[in-house]
Protein backbone atom coordinates (compact mmCIF):
# COMPACT_ATOMS: atom_id res chain seq x y z
CA UNK A 1 11.21 -14.01 16.16
CA UNK A 2 12.40 -12.88 12.73
CA UNK A 3 14.52 -16.02 12.37
CA UNK A 4 11.51 -18.18 13.23
CA UNK A 5 9.30 -16.29 10.77
CA UNK A 6 11.95 -16.65 8.05
CA UNK A 7 12.26 -20.37 8.70
CA UNK A 8 8.50 -20.72 8.51
CA UNK A 9 8.23 -18.71 5.33
CA UNK A 10 10.93 -20.70 3.55
CA UNK A 11 8.69 -23.78 3.45
CA UNK A 12 6.50 -22.15 0.80
CA UNK A 13 8.04 -21.28 -2.55
CA UNK A 14 7.76 -17.66 -3.72
CA UNK A 15 5.52 -18.84 -6.57
CA UNK A 16 3.18 -20.63 -4.17
CA UNK A 17 3.18 -17.62 -1.85
CA UNK A 18 2.20 -15.36 -4.79
CA UNK A 19 -0.63 -17.79 -5.71
CA UNK A 20 -1.92 -17.70 -2.13
CA UNK A 21 -1.82 -13.89 -2.01
CA UNK A 22 -3.70 -13.64 -5.32
CA UNK A 23 -6.38 -16.02 -4.03
CA UNK A 24 -6.70 -14.06 -0.76
CA UNK A 25 -7.23 -10.78 -2.64
CA UNK A 26 -9.79 -12.41 -4.96
CA UNK A 27 -11.72 -13.70 -1.94
CA UNK A 28 -11.44 -10.34 -0.24
CA UNK A 29 -12.99 -8.62 -3.27
CA UNK A 30 -15.75 -11.24 -3.43
CA UNK A 31 -16.85 -11.37 0.21
CA UNK A 32 -15.15 -8.52 2.12
CA UNK A 33 -12.87 -8.74 5.12
CA UNK A 34 -15.42 -9.71 7.78
CA UNK A 35 -16.83 -12.61 5.77
CA UNK A 36 -13.43 -13.88 4.66
CA UNK A 37 -12.43 -16.96 6.66
CA UNK A 38 -9.26 -19.00 6.88
CA UNK A 39 -11.42 -22.02 5.93
CA UNK A 40 -12.36 -20.29 2.68
CA UNK A 41 -8.73 -19.37 1.96
CA UNK A 42 -7.64 -22.97 2.68
CA UNK A 43 -10.33 -24.34 0.34
CA UNK A 44 -9.58 -21.82 -2.44
CA UNK A 45 -5.83 -22.41 -2.27
CA UNK A 46 -5.94 -26.15 -1.56
CA UNK A 47 -3.94 -25.55 1.64
CA UNK A 48 -4.42 -26.71 5.18
CA UNK A 49 -5.64 -24.19 7.72
CA UNK A 50 -2.78 -25.26 9.98
CA UNK A 51 -0.27 -24.25 7.29
CA UNK A 52 -1.92 -20.86 6.86
CA UNK A 53 -1.86 -20.16 10.60
CA UNK A 54 1.70 -21.44 10.95
CA UNK A 55 2.86 -19.29 8.04
CA UNK A 56 0.95 -16.06 8.70
CA UNK A 57 -0.36 -16.23 12.26
CA UNK A 58 -3.90 -15.24 11.40
CA UNK A 59 -6.30 -13.56 8.99
CA UNK A 60 -5.19 -9.94 9.57
CA UNK A 61 -1.52 -10.72 8.84
CA UNK A 62 -2.38 -12.84 5.80
CA UNK A 63 -4.64 -10.19 4.28
CA UNK A 64 -2.24 -7.30 4.88
CA UNK A 65 0.77 -9.25 3.56
CA UNK A 66 -1.27 -10.09 0.45
CA UNK A 67 -1.97 -6.37 -0.01
CA UNK A 68 1.71 -5.51 0.44
CA UNK A 69 2.80 -8.24 -1.96
CA UNK A 70 0.38 -6.84 -4.53
CA UNK A 71 2.04 -3.39 -4.46
CA UNK A 72 4.19 -2.71 -7.53
CA UNK A 73 7.76 -2.33 -6.29
CA UNK A 74 9.21 -0.38 -3.41
CA UNK A 75 8.47 3.33 -3.01
CA UNK A 76 12.07 3.99 -2.00
CA UNK A 77 13.34 2.57 -5.32
CA UNK A 78 11.85 5.48 -7.27
CA UNK A 79 14.98 7.58 -7.79
CA UNK A 80 14.81 9.67 -10.96
CA UNK A 81 16.94 12.54 -9.72
CA UNK A 82 14.01 14.87 -9.03
CA UNK A 83 11.12 14.79 -6.58
CA UNK A 84 8.60 15.44 -9.35
CA UNK A 85 10.07 12.58 -11.35
CA UNK A 86 9.96 10.28 -8.32
CA UNK A 87 6.32 11.13 -7.56
CA UNK A 88 5.27 10.69 -11.18
CA UNK A 89 7.12 7.37 -11.36
CA UNK A 90 5.27 6.13 -8.27
CA UNK A 91 1.93 7.13 -9.79
CA UNK A 92 2.69 5.38 -13.09
CA UNK A 93 3.46 2.01 -11.49
CA UNK A 94 -0.21 0.96 -11.52
CA UNK A 95 -2.54 1.43 -14.45
CA UNK A 96 -5.89 3.11 -13.78
CA UNK A 97 -7.77 -0.20 -13.56
CA UNK A 98 -5.39 -1.66 -10.94
CA UNK A 99 -5.39 1.63 -9.05
CA UNK A 100 -9.19 1.64 -8.85
CA UNK A 101 -9.34 -1.99 -7.69
CA UNK A 102 -6.62 -1.49 -5.08
CA UNK A 103 -8.02 1.79 -3.75
CA UNK A 104 -11.45 0.12 -3.37
CA UNK A 105 -9.79 -2.70 -1.46
CA UNK A 106 -7.81 -0.34 0.80
CA UNK A 107 -10.94 1.70 1.54
CA UNK A 108 -12.82 -1.48 2.51
CA UNK A 109 -9.94 -2.63 4.73
CA UNK A 110 -9.67 0.79 6.39
CA UNK A 111 -13.39 0.62 7.21
CA UNK A 112 -13.06 -2.93 8.58
CA UNK A 113 -10.06 -1.87 10.69
CA UNK A 114 -12.24 0.55 12.66
CA UNK A 115 -14.01 -2.38 14.30
CA UNK A 116 -11.11 -4.84 14.23
CA UNK A 117 -8.08 -3.88 16.36
CA UNK A 118 -6.02 -6.84 15.09
CA UNK A 119 -6.51 -5.74 11.50
CA UNK A 120 -5.67 -2.13 12.42
CA UNK A 121 -2.45 -3.29 14.11
CA UNK A 122 -1.48 -5.48 11.12
CA UNK A 123 -2.20 -2.65 8.67
CA UNK A 124 -0.05 -0.22 10.64
CA UNK A 125 2.84 -2.61 11.33
CA UNK A 126 2.99 -4.49 8.03
CA UNK A 127 1.82 -1.92 5.47
CA UNK A 128 1.49 1.68 6.64
CA UNK A 129 4.71 2.03 8.67
CA UNK A 130 6.99 0.31 6.10
CA UNK A 131 5.41 2.42 3.33
CA UNK A 132 5.93 5.60 5.38
CA UNK A 133 9.59 4.68 5.93
CA UNK A 134 10.05 4.15 2.19
CA UNK A 135 8.28 7.41 1.41
CA UNK A 136 10.52 9.27 3.87
CA UNK A 137 13.54 8.00 1.91
CA UNK A 138 12.18 9.67 -1.24
CA UNK A 139 11.66 12.95 0.63
CA UNK A 140 15.10 12.77 2.33
CA UNK A 141 16.76 12.40 -1.07
CA UNK A 142 14.93 15.54 -2.25
CA UNK A 143 16.18 17.39 0.86
CA UNK A 144 19.73 16.10 0.26
CA UNK A 145 19.57 17.30 -3.38
CA UNK A 146 18.50 20.73 -2.14
CA UNK A 147 15.10 20.54 -3.87
CA UNK A 148 13.14 21.04 -0.66
CA UNK A 149 14.00 22.58 2.67
CA UNK A 150 14.40 20.21 5.62
CA UNK A 151 12.27 22.60 7.69
CA UNK A 152 9.47 22.93 5.12
CA UNK A 153 6.20 23.19 7.10
CA UNK A 154 4.46 20.99 4.50
CA UNK A 155 6.94 18.09 4.79
CA UNK A 156 5.18 16.19 7.64
CA UNK A 157 1.86 16.35 5.73
CA UNK A 158 2.83 15.14 2.26
CA UNK A 159 1.68 11.57 2.83
CA UNK A 160 -1.60 12.86 4.29
CA UNK A 161 -2.08 14.96 1.16
CA UNK A 162 -1.52 12.01 -1.17
CA UNK A 163 -3.75 9.64 0.80
CA UNK A 164 -6.33 12.43 0.93
CA UNK A 165 -6.27 12.68 -2.86
CA UNK A 166 -7.26 9.01 -3.13
CA UNK A 167 -10.10 9.35 -0.63
CA UNK A 168 -11.39 12.73 -1.81
CA UNK A 169 -11.42 11.73 -5.49
CA UNK A 170 -14.06 9.10 -4.82
CA UNK A 171 -15.91 11.00 -2.10
CA UNK A 172 -16.14 14.38 -3.84
CA UNK A 173 -16.00 13.55 -7.55
CA UNK A 174 -17.50 10.04 -7.37
CA UNK A 175 -14.65 8.96 -9.62
CA UNK A 176 -11.75 6.59 -9.04
CA UNK A 177 -8.22 7.96 -8.66
CA UNK A 178 -6.36 7.85 -11.99
CA UNK A 179 -2.79 8.46 -13.06
CA UNK A 180 -3.80 11.71 -14.78
CA UNK A 181 -5.67 13.00 -11.71
CA UNK A 182 -2.81 12.15 -9.34
CA UNK A 183 -0.14 13.66 -11.59
CA UNK A 184 -2.17 16.88 -11.84
CA UNK A 185 -2.74 16.89 -8.08
CA UNK A 186 0.98 16.39 -7.39
CA UNK A 187 1.90 19.25 -9.74
CA UNK A 188 -0.82 21.64 -8.55
CA UNK A 189 -0.90 20.90 -4.81
CA UNK A 190 1.89 18.73 -3.41
CA UNK A 191 4.97 20.19 -5.12
CA UNK A 192 3.93 23.86 -4.62
CA UNK A 193 3.29 23.12 -0.92
CA UNK A 194 6.92 22.03 -0.71
CA UNK A 195 8.14 25.04 -2.68
CA UNK A 196 9.07 22.94 -5.73
CA UNK A 197 8.39 24.22 -9.25
CA UNK A 198 6.18 21.60 -10.92
CA UNK A 199 7.52 22.19 -14.46
């Protein structure tokens, strides 16, 4: 299956793939997930629908892969030598404007996934699970360095805390998440929960 997918993917250049992903995200912001159609993507990108289906399988996979492609770098690559440094590096990868746009998009997709099992599956398989694996690498390095205990009761909930910060910022404060907010949250909440001195 992977070999077939790789063979399929190789027909489109990385530049063309990036163009397609950008167009998909633009359409998604304009019309939302439910109203986005493969016809509209084909028209916007001057592609054939057959090519889109052959390449991505369907709308859920195309949308989620566009979201993943849009993410700045791999979480696991953040290796500054300290957990605080790694977390702060991850936060600084997107400026506040991009963070707001992407968190709005993720919120909309999460809502759409509640009524669309195919989208939920694609989100979990293609975005959430790979991101969780990458994030676990960052935490394992901190355990290996002796910064945090392997049996820390907070360890299984760190990702929940960080995702919660994104959601709660908008819900409670009616403000978008920002680098400054997330850095403060990491220092005041996440690191102390793990027993790490924030300064």
